[in-house]
N, C-alpha and C. Protein backbone atom coordinates (compact mmCIF):
# COMPACT_ATOMS: atom_id res chain seq x y z
N UNK A 1 109.81 89.15 125.04
CA UNK A 1 111.07 89.80 124.20
C UNK A 1 111.93 88.95 124.63
N UNK A 2 112.69 88.63 123.64
CA UNK A 2 113.79 87.46 123.65
C UNK A 2 115.15 88.37 123.07
N UNK A 3 116.51 87.75 123.55
CA UNK A 3 117.41 88.06 123.43
C UNK A 3 118.53 88.84 124.48
N UNK A 4 118.92 89.45 124.60
CA UNK A 4 119.62 90.35 125.41
C UNK A 4 120.40 91.69 124.65
N UNK A 5 120.66 92.35 125.65
CA UNK A 5 121.28 93.79 125.08
C UNK A 5 121.52 94.78 126.14
N UNK A 6 121.96 95.87 126.02
CA UNK A 6 122.13 96.81 127.06
C UNK A 6 120.78 97.69 127.02
N UNK A 7 119.69 97.42 126.60
CA UNK A 7 118.69 98.21 126.40
C UNK A 7 117.32 97.32 127.63
N UNK A 8 118.14 95.88 127.66
CA UNK A 8 117.06 95.22 128.22
C UNK A 8 116.57 95.56 129.70
N UNK A 9 117.31 96.05 130.68
CA UNK A 9 116.60 96.54 132.07
C UNK A 9 115.68 97.47 131.83
N UNK A 10 116.23 98.80 130.95
CA UNK A 10 115.34 99.74 130.45
C UNK A 10 113.85 99.01 130.27
N UNK A 11 114.05 98.27 128.83
CA UNK A 11 112.61 98.14 128.60
C UNK A 11 111.87 96.93 129.84
N UNK A 12 112.58 96.07 130.36
CA UNK A 12 112.09 95.22 131.71
C UNK A 12 110.84 96.53 132.49
N UNK A 13 111.94 97.75 132.69
CA UNK A 13 111.02 98.81 133.41
C UNK A 13 109.81 99.24 132.93
N UNK A 14 110.01 99.99 131.52
CA UNK A 14 109.01 100.41 130.87
C UNK A 14 107.81 99.36 130.95
N UNK A 15 108.07 98.62 130.80
CA UNK A 15 106.60 97.37 130.62
C UNK A 15 105.84 96.97 131.95
N UNK A 16 106.58 97.16 133.12
CA UNK A 16 106.33 97.06 134.62
C UNK A 16 105.78 98.49 134.75
N UNK A 17 106.27 99.87 134.37
CA UNK A 17 105.38 100.81 134.44
C UNK A 17 104.34 100.86 134.07
N UNK A 18 104.37 100.45 132.59
CA UNK A 18 103.30 100.78 131.64
C UNK A 18 102.26 99.43 131.96
N UNK A 19 102.25 98.44 132.94
CA UNK A 19 101.45 97.41 132.92
C UNK A 19 101.38 96.70 131.84
N UNK A 20 102.50 96.23 131.21
CA UNK A 20 102.28 95.76 130.15
C UNK A 20 102.74 94.29 130.30
N UNK A 21 102.07 93.50 129.98
CA UNK A 21 102.20 91.68 130.25
C UNK A 21 103.48 91.56 129.21
N UNK A 22 104.74 91.52 129.76
CA UNK A 22 105.92 91.42 128.81
C UNK A 22 106.97 90.30 129.46
N UNK A 23 107.24 89.62 128.80
CA UNK A 23 108.30 88.54 129.36
C UNK A 23 109.76 88.64 128.58
N UNK A 24 110.77 88.67 129.71
CA UNK A 24 111.75 88.93 129.10
C UNK A 24 112.78 87.40 129.41
N UNK A 25 112.53 86.62 128.44
CA UNK A 25 113.39 85.17 128.93
C UNK A 25 115.16 85.11 128.30
N UNK A 26 115.64 86.40 127.83
CA UNK A 26 117.21 86.44 127.38
C UNK A 26 116.74 85.30 126.19
N UNK A 27 118.30 85.23 125.95
CA UNK A 27 118.44 84.17 124.54
C UNK A 27 117.54 82.78 124.56
N UNK A 28 117.00 82.61 123.47
CA UNK A 28 116.56 81.33 123.83
C UNK A 28 116.86 79.99 122.52
N UNK A 29 116.86 78.92 123.26
CA UNK A 29 117.62 77.90 122.26
C UNK A 29 116.34 77.53 121.08
N UNK A 30 116.96 77.14 120.10
CA UNK A 30 116.08 76.93 118.99
C UNK A 30 114.63 76.21 119.10
N UNK A 31 114.54 75.56 120.16
CA UNK A 31 113.24 74.97 120.26
C UNK A 31 112.25 75.72 120.59
N UNK A 32 112.95 76.45 121.46
CA UNK A 32 112.16 77.59 122.47
C UNK A 32 111.96 78.89 121.02
N UNK A 33 112.81 79.11 120.38
CA UNK A 33 112.33 80.46 119.61
C UNK A 33 111.61 79.62 118.78
N UNK A 34 111.17 78.69 118.22
CA UNK A 34 110.40 78.23 117.26
C UNK A 34 109.13 78.15 117.97
N UNK A 35 108.85 78.02 118.96
CA UNK A 35 107.45 78.05 119.87
C UNK A 35 107.63 79.24 120.10
N UNK A 36 108.08 80.30 120.00
CA UNK A 36 107.97 81.87 120.41
C UNK A 36 107.66 82.07 119.51
N UNK A 37 108.39 82.00 118.01
CA UNK A 37 107.76 82.53 116.54
C UNK A 37 106.37 81.89 116.46
N UNK A 38 106.16 80.37 116.78
CA UNK A 38 104.68 79.87 116.52
C UNK A 38 103.41 80.49 117.26
N UNK A 39 104.17 81.71 118.19
CA UNK A 39 102.76 82.46 119.22
C UNK A 39 102.66 83.84 118.18
N UNK A 40 103.93 84.40 117.66
CA UNK A 40 103.97 85.56 117.07
C UNK A 40 103.05 85.97 115.89
N UNK A 41 102.73 87.13 115.92
CA UNK A 41 102.33 87.81 115.03
C UNK A 41 103.04 88.88 114.52
N UNK A 42 104.26 89.37 114.94
CA UNK A 42 104.87 89.90 114.15
C UNK A 42 105.90 89.77 114.92
N UNK A 43 107.42 89.91 114.25
CA UNK A 43 108.88 89.71 114.46
C UNK A 43 109.52 91.34 114.78
N UNK A 44 109.93 92.00 115.83
CA UNK A 44 110.60 93.23 115.77
C UNK A 44 112.28 92.91 116.10
N UNK A 45 112.88 93.20 115.05
CA UNK A 45 114.33 93.51 114.88
C UNK A 45 114.80 94.86 115.32
N UNK A 46 115.24 94.91 116.95
CA UNK A 46 115.19 96.50 117.10
C UNK A 46 116.77 96.58 117.11
N UNK A 47 117.61 95.90 116.06
CA UNK A 47 119.03 96.04 116.28
C UNK A 47 119.58 97.55 115.27
N UNK A 48 119.95 98.50 115.43
CA UNK A 48 120.72 99.59 114.96
C UNK A 48 121.99 99.23 114.67
N UNK A 49 122.61 98.48 115.06
CA UNK A 49 124.08 98.14 114.59
C UNK A 49 124.18 97.49 113.45
N UNK A 50 125.12 97.39 112.46
CA UNK A 50 124.71 96.88 111.24
C UNK A 50 125.05 95.14 111.34
N UNK A 51 123.97 94.68 111.57
CA UNK A 51 123.60 93.32 111.65
C UNK A 51 124.20 92.36 110.61
N UNK A 52 124.57 91.51 110.63
CA UNK A 52 125.50 90.78 109.49
C UNK A 52 124.23 90.31 108.45
N UNK A 53 123.61 89.63 109.14
CA UNK A 53 122.42 89.04 108.36
C UNK A 53 120.97 88.97 109.43
N UNK A 54 121.34 88.49 110.22
CA UNK A 54 120.00 88.54 111.48
C UNK A 54 119.16 86.95 111.11
N UNK A 55 119.79 85.46 111.37
CA UNK A 55 118.77 84.66 110.57
C UNK A 55 117.33 84.54 111.77
N UNK A 56 116.98 84.91 112.56
CA UNK A 56 115.69 85.15 113.20
C UNK A 56 114.83 85.45 112.00
N UNK A 57 114.99 86.38 111.36
CA UNK A 57 114.13 86.80 110.12
C UNK A 57 113.68 85.95 109.42
N UNK A 58 115.11 85.16 108.59
CA UNK A 58 114.33 84.13 108.47
C UNK A 58 113.74 82.91 108.79
N UNK A 59 113.89 82.59 109.77
CA UNK A 59 113.09 81.60 110.50
C UNK A 59 111.66 82.62 110.68
N UNK A 60 111.39 83.37 111.34
CA UNK A 60 110.37 83.94 111.08
C UNK A 60 109.67 83.69 109.53
N UNK A 61 109.90 84.14 108.54
CA UNK A 61 109.14 84.54 107.40
C UNK A 61 108.80 82.98 107.37
N UNK A 62 109.73 81.88 107.35
CA UNK A 62 109.52 80.56 107.25
C UNK A 62 108.09 79.92 107.47
N UNK A 63 107.49 80.66 108.79
CA UNK A 63 106.50 80.31 109.59
C UNK A 63 105.49 81.23 109.14
N UNK A 64 105.32 82.06 108.35
CA UNK A 64 104.62 83.43 107.92
C UNK A 64 104.63 84.36 109.11
N UNK A 65 105.60 84.56 109.95
CA UNK A 65 105.42 85.85 110.63
C UNK A 65 106.19 87.16 109.88
N UNK A 66 105.52 88.02 109.61
CA UNK A 66 106.32 89.33 109.00
C UNK A 66 106.76 89.92 110.20
N UNK A 67 108.14 90.84 109.79
CA UNK A 67 109.13 91.16 110.76
C UNK A 67 108.62 93.16 110.22
N UNK A 68 109.74 93.23 111.17
CA UNK A 68 109.68 95.18 110.97
C UNK A 68 111.10 95.16 111.45
N UNK A 69 112.23 95.92 111.23
CA UNK A 69 113.24 96.29 111.49
C UNK A 69 113.97 97.54 110.92
N UNK A 70 115.11 97.82 111.42
CA UNK A 70 115.82 99.11 111.08
C UNK A 70 116.44 98.47 109.82
N UNK A 71 116.66 99.40 108.57
CA UNK A 71 117.19 98.96 107.29
C UNK A 71 118.49 99.21 107.72
N UNK A 72 119.47 98.21 108.13
CA UNK A 72 120.85 98.14 108.87
C UNK A 72 121.31 97.15 108.62
N UNK A 73 123.03 97.47 108.11
CA UNK A 73 123.49 95.79 107.90
C UNK A 73 122.89 94.95 106.94
N UNK A 74 122.94 93.81 106.95
CA UNK A 74 122.35 92.73 106.34
C UNK A 74 120.87 92.50 106.24
N UNK A 75 119.85 93.10 107.07
CA UNK A 75 118.82 93.25 107.17
C UNK A 75 117.57 93.03 105.98
N UNK A 76 118.39 93.88 104.90
CA UNK A 76 117.41 94.00 103.73
C UNK A 76 117.71 92.90 102.94
N UNK A 77 118.95 92.16 103.12
CA UNK A 77 118.98 90.30 102.44
C UNK A 77 117.85 89.51 102.76
N UNK A 78 117.04 89.89 103.69
CA UNK A 78 115.69 88.87 103.96
C UNK A 78 114.65 89.79 104.33
N UNK A 79 114.63 90.98 104.58
CA UNK A 79 113.22 91.79 104.75
C UNK A 79 112.78 92.50 103.13
N UNK A 80 111.96 91.71 102.97
CA UNK A 80 111.72 92.88 101.79
C UNK A 80 110.45 93.79 102.17
N UNK A 81 110.76 95.06 102.04
CA UNK A 81 109.89 96.37 102.63
C UNK A 81 108.37 96.06 101.54
N UNK A 82 107.82 96.35 102.43
CA UNK A 82 105.93 95.77 101.97
C UNK A 82 105.58 94.61 101.97
N UNK A 83 106.64 93.50 101.50
CA UNK A 83 106.25 92.23 101.09
C UNK A 83 106.30 91.17 102.29
N UNK A 84 107.04 91.14 103.24
CA UNK A 84 107.64 90.23 104.01
C UNK A 84 107.67 91.29 105.45
N UNK A 85 107.46 92.27 105.34
CA UNK A 85 107.54 93.43 106.54
C UNK A 85 107.97 95.01 106.49
N UNK A 86 108.50 95.42 107.30
CA UNK A 86 108.59 96.87 107.42
C UNK A 86 110.19 97.30 107.33
N UNK A 87 110.40 97.94 106.50
CA UNK A 87 112.06 98.69 106.95
C UNK A 87 111.83 99.70 107.22
């Protein structure tokens, strides 16, 4: 789970409590992000604030990785429900 935010500690605790093998590396540089996306089967964008655009969605789509995200802000500009993922 890349990135950071106010819920990170909660997610880390939940993963630990549920014995889920999850990693929380924080923000990734471009090479790390590309490597992570190359291993991904889906991109989850949990932003609930009005994300202006969310470039990571395009980066994932370029690698054939579908996304699931909340329909907020500019996400609808790159995520087509049922085509490139789910809103």
